[in-house]
Amino acid sequence: MKFVIANVEFFEKLGYSTKYWRKSVDGNKTICHLEYAEILDNEIQEEENVLVVDATEAQDIMNTEEWSSKEEE
């Protein structure tokens, strides 16, 4: 399983509502399944400023300070 990490603004320009998506602590980045993201942009992996990662790497990223605050732990 692969995931896409990008700015919230990027996904919203594609037409997605990111209201309930997991976001970075500052609220600027979000993550979703690659298959879901490809529905509206089938070349999303070629987009600038988009990171495509596998599940293990996504989990590692979600555990960084950028994505999880001490309050969540």
Protein backbone atom coordinates (compact mmCIF):
# COMPACT_ATOMS: atom_id res chain seq x y z
CA MET A 1 0.00 0.00 0.00
CA LYS A 2 1.30 3.44 -0.91
CA PHE A 3 0.45 6.88 0.42
CA VAL A 4 0.72 10.42 -0.90
CA ILE A 5 1.92 13.31 1.25
CA ALA A 6 1.44 16.85 -0.06
CA ASN A 7 0.22 20.29 0.93
CA VAL A 8 -3.45 20.54 1.84
CA GLU A 9 -3.81 23.23 -0.82
CA PHE A 10 -2.66 20.76 -3.50
CA PHE A 11 -5.42 18.27 -2.67
CA GLU A 12 -8.05 20.99 -2.34
CA LYS A 13 -7.17 22.31 -5.81
CA LEU A 14 -7.91 18.81 -7.12
CA GLY A 15 -11.35 19.05 -5.51
CA TYR A 16 -10.85 16.94 -2.39
CA SER A 17 -12.27 17.99 0.96
CA THR A 18 -9.48 17.40 3.47
CA LYS A 19 -11.49 18.44 6.51
CA TYR A 20 -11.20 15.05 8.23
CA TRP A 21 -7.82 13.95 6.81
CA ARG A 22 -4.80 13.51 9.04
CA LYS A 23 -2.64 16.63 8.89
CA SER A 24 0.77 17.71 10.05
CA VAL A 25 0.93 19.59 13.35
CA ASP A 26 1.00 22.95 11.53
CA GLY A 27 -1.97 21.88 9.36
CA ASN A 28 -0.14 22.49 6.08
CA LYS A 29 0.43 18.90 4.91
CA THR A 30 -1.86 15.91 4.66
CA ILE A 31 -1.70 12.25 3.69
CA CYS A 32 -3.98 9.88 1.82
CA HIS A 33 -3.89 6.55 0.00
CA LEU A 34 -2.28 6.74 -3.42
CA GLU A 35 -5.22 4.92 -5.04
CA TYR A 36 -7.63 7.54 -3.70
CA ALA A 37 -5.44 10.45 -4.77
CA GLU A 38 -5.10 9.03 -8.29
CA ILE A 39 -8.86 9.23 -8.84
CA LEU A 40 -8.58 12.92 -9.73
CA ASP A 41 -4.92 13.00 -10.80
CA ASN A 42 -3.72 9.79 -12.42
CA GLU A 43 -0.22 11.24 -12.80
CA ILE A 44 0.07 12.36 -9.18
CA GLN A 45 3.37 10.56 -8.76
CA GLU A 46 4.87 12.94 -11.33
CA GLU A 47 3.66 16.08 -9.53
CA GLU A 48 6.18 18.46 -8.01
CA ASN A 49 6.13 18.69 -4.20
CA VAL A 50 4.30 15.35 -3.82
CA LEU A 51 5.87 12.54 -1.84
CA VAL A 52 4.77 8.95 -2.52
CA VAL A 53 5.78 6.47 0.19
CA ASP A 54 5.01 2.90 1.21
CA ALA A 55 3.12 2.08 4.42
CA THR A 56 6.24 1.57 6.53
CA GLU A 57 7.77 4.87 5.49
CA ALA A 58 4.43 6.64 6.00
CA GLN A 59 4.22 5.29 9.54
CA ASP A 60 7.76 6.51 10.26
CA ILE A 61 6.86 9.96 8.92
CA MET A 62 3.66 10.11 10.99
CA ASN A 63 5.76 9.48 14.11
CA THR A 64 7.94 12.56 13.57
CA GLU A 65 7.45 15.83 15.45
CA GLU A 66 6.10 17.39 12.26
CA TRP A 67 3.11 15.01 12.35
CA SER A 68 2.46 14.15 15.96
CA SER A 69 2.41 16.31 19.02
CA LYS A 70 2.97 15.12 22.57
CA GLU A 71 -0.70 15.72 23.26
CA GLU A 72 -1.62 12.92 20.82
CA GLU A 73 0.62 10.36 22.51
